[in-house]
């Protein structure tokens, strides 16, 4: 099953790339009327990004 993935990465100087957060959201392309659809998976990925960023902002 295909997966839409939201991720936040940090690239510190001279240290490569560090994965901070990543969350998968699956969808069912062969049966477009069945949930979750690609659109629903994309919206879920956006909601996850907003949730994660809001939690992180609480620490700032």
N, C-alpha and C. Protein backbone atom coordinates (compact mmCIF):
# COMPACT_ATOMS: atom_id res chain seq x y z
N UNK A 1 0.85 -1.18 0.00
CA UNK A 1 0.00 0.00 0.00
C UNK A 1 0.89 1.24 0.00
N UNK A 2 0.62 2.21 -0.88
CA UNK A 2 1.43 3.43 -0.93
C UNK A 2 1.37 4.21 0.38
N UNK A 3 2.42 4.95 0.60
CA UNK A 3 2.52 5.72 1.84
C UNK A 3 2.89 7.16 1.52
N UNK A 4 2.14 8.08 2.09
CA UNK A 4 2.47 9.50 2.06
C UNK A 4 3.22 9.74 3.36
N UNK A 5 4.37 10.38 3.31
CA UNK A 5 5.15 10.55 4.54
C UNK A 5 5.48 12.02 4.75
N UNK A 6 5.25 12.46 5.98
CA UNK A 6 5.65 13.79 6.38
C UNK A 6 6.95 13.66 7.17
N UNK A 7 7.92 14.51 6.93
CA UNK A 7 9.16 14.43 7.69
C UNK A 7 9.77 15.80 7.89
N UNK A 8 10.45 15.95 9.01
CA UNK A 8 11.23 17.16 9.30
C UNK A 8 12.67 16.71 9.49
N UNK A 9 13.57 17.37 8.79
CA UNK A 9 14.99 17.03 8.86
C UNK A 9 15.79 18.27 9.22
N UNK A 10 16.89 18.04 9.91
CA UNK A 10 17.78 19.13 10.30
C UNK A 10 19.16 18.83 9.72
N UNK A 11 19.77 19.86 9.11
CA UNK A 11 21.09 19.68 8.51
C UNK A 11 22.08 20.62 9.21
N UNK A 12 22.63 20.16 10.36
CA UNK A 12 23.60 21.01 11.06
C UNK A 12 24.89 21.13 10.24
N UNK A 13 25.61 22.22 10.41
CA UNK A 13 26.86 22.40 9.67
C UNK A 13 27.83 21.25 9.93
N UNK A 14 28.39 20.70 8.86
CA UNK A 14 29.41 19.65 8.93
C UNK A 14 28.95 18.39 9.67
N UNK A 15 27.63 18.10 9.67
CA UNK A 15 27.17 16.91 10.40
C UNK A 15 26.17 16.07 9.62
N UNK A 16 26.00 16.33 8.32
CA UNK A 16 25.06 15.54 7.55
C UNK A 16 23.62 15.97 7.80
N UNK A 17 22.70 15.00 7.72
CA UNK A 17 21.27 15.28 7.90
C UNK A 17 20.74 14.43 9.04
N UNK A 18 19.97 15.04 9.92
CA UNK A 18 19.39 14.35 11.07
C UNK A 18 17.87 14.35 10.91
N UNK A 19 17.27 13.15 10.99
CA UNK A 19 15.81 13.08 10.93
C UNK A 19 15.25 13.45 12.30
N UNK A 20 14.40 14.46 12.34
CA UNK A 20 13.81 14.93 13.58
C UNK A 20 12.48 14.23 13.84
N UNK A 21 11.66 14.11 12.79
CA UNK A 21 10.33 13.52 12.93
C UNK A 21 9.87 13.00 11.58
N UNK A 22 9.19 11.87 11.58
CA UNK A 22 8.67 11.30 10.35
C UNK A 22 7.42 10.50 10.69
N UNK A 23 6.36 10.65 9.89
CA UNK A 23 5.11 9.94 10.15
C UNK A 23 4.48 9.49 8.83
N UNK A 24 4.18 8.19 8.68
CA UNK A 24 3.57 7.68 7.45
C UNK A 24 2.05 7.79 7.48
N UNK A 25 1.46 7.95 6.30
CA UNK A 25 0.01 7.98 6.14
C UNK A 25 -0.32 7.20 4.88
N UNK A 26 -0.90 5.99 5.02
CA UNK A 26 -1.17 5.12 3.88
C UNK A 26 -2.45 5.52 3.16
N UNK A 27 -2.53 5.15 1.87
CA UNK A 27 -3.76 5.34 1.12
C UNK A 27 -3.96 4.17 0.17
N UNK A 28 -5.17 4.06 -0.40
CA UNK A 28 -5.57 2.93 -1.23
C UNK A 28 -5.87 3.38 -2.66
N UNK A 29 -4.87 3.39 -3.56
CA UNK A 29 -5.08 3.92 -4.90
C UNK A 29 -5.95 3.02 -5.80
N UNK A 30 -6.00 1.73 -5.55
CA UNK A 30 -6.77 0.83 -6.42
C UNK A 30 -8.27 0.94 -6.17
N UNK A 31 -8.65 1.43 -5.02
CA UNK A 31 -10.06 1.63 -4.69
C UNK A 31 -10.22 3.06 -4.20
N UNK A 32 -10.28 4.02 -5.14
CA UNK A 32 -10.24 5.43 -4.76
C UNK A 32 -11.38 5.90 -3.86
N UNK A 33 -12.48 5.16 -3.79
CA UNK A 33 -13.58 5.59 -2.93
C UNK A 33 -13.40 5.08 -1.49
N UNK A 34 -12.42 4.19 -1.31
CA UNK A 34 -12.19 3.62 0.02
C UNK A 34 -11.23 4.50 0.82
N UNK A 35 -11.49 4.69 2.10
CA UNK A 35 -10.60 5.49 2.95
C UNK A 35 -9.44 4.64 3.42
N UNK A 36 -8.27 5.20 3.63
CA UNK A 36 -7.96 6.58 3.30
C UNK A 36 -7.60 6.73 1.82
N UNK A 37 -8.05 7.79 1.21
CA UNK A 37 -7.68 8.09 -0.17
C UNK A 37 -6.35 8.85 -0.15
N UNK A 38 -5.77 9.10 -1.31
CA UNK A 38 -4.52 9.85 -1.40
C UNK A 38 -4.72 11.25 -0.82
N UNK A 39 -5.87 11.87 -1.12
CA UNK A 39 -6.16 13.21 -0.59
C UNK A 39 -6.25 13.17 0.94
N UNK A 40 -6.93 12.16 1.48
CA UNK A 40 -7.04 12.05 2.94
C UNK A 40 -5.68 11.81 3.58
N UNK A 41 -4.83 11.01 2.92
CA UNK A 41 -3.49 10.75 3.44
C UNK A 41 -2.66 12.03 3.43
N UNK A 42 -2.79 12.82 2.35
CA UNK A 42 -2.06 14.08 2.28
C UNK A 42 -2.53 15.03 3.38
N UNK A 43 -3.86 15.13 3.57
CA UNK A 43 -4.40 15.99 4.62
C UNK A 43 -3.96 15.51 6.01
N UNK A 44 -3.87 14.18 6.20
CA UNK A 44 -3.40 13.64 7.48
C UNK A 44 -1.94 13.99 7.70
N UNK A 45 -1.13 13.97 6.62
CA UNK A 45 0.28 14.33 6.73
C UNK A 45 0.42 15.80 7.11
N UNK A 46 -0.41 16.66 6.52
CA UNK A 46 -0.38 18.09 6.86
C UNK A 46 -0.79 18.29 8.32
N UNK A 47 -1.85 17.59 8.75
CA UNK A 47 -2.30 17.70 10.14
C UNK A 47 -1.20 17.24 11.09
N UNK A 48 -0.47 16.18 10.73
CA UNK A 48 0.63 15.68 11.57
C UNK A 48 1.74 16.72 11.63
N UNK A 49 2.05 17.36 10.52
CA UNK A 49 3.08 18.40 10.50
C UNK A 49 2.68 19.56 11.41
N UNK A 50 1.42 19.98 11.30
CA UNK A 50 0.95 21.07 12.15
C UNK A 50 1.00 20.69 13.62
N UNK A 51 0.58 19.46 13.95
CA UNK A 51 0.59 18.99 15.34
C UNK A 51 2.02 18.97 15.87
N UNK A 52 2.94 18.41 15.09
CA UNK A 52 4.33 18.31 15.53
C UNK A 52 4.95 19.70 15.73
N UNK A 53 4.72 20.59 14.77
CA UNK A 53 5.30 21.92 14.89
C UNK A 53 4.71 22.70 16.06
N UNK A 54 3.42 22.51 16.34
CA UNK A 54 2.80 23.18 17.49
C UNK A 54 3.42 22.69 18.80
N UNK A 55 3.62 21.38 18.90
CA UNK A 55 4.25 20.82 20.11
C UNK A 55 5.65 21.37 20.27
N UNK A 56 6.41 21.43 19.16
CA UNK A 56 7.77 21.95 19.22
C UNK A 56 7.79 23.43 19.62
N UNK A 57 6.81 24.20 19.14
CA UNK A 57 6.76 25.62 19.48
C UNK A 57 6.50 25.84 20.97
N UNK A 58 5.86 24.87 21.61
CA UNK A 58 5.60 24.98 23.05
C UNK A 58 6.90 24.96 23.86
N UNK A 59 7.98 24.43 23.26
CA UNK A 59 9.27 24.37 23.94
C UNK A 59 10.12 25.60 23.70
N UNK A 60 9.71 26.45 22.77
CA UNK A 60 10.52 27.64 22.42
C UNK A 60 10.25 28.77 23.37
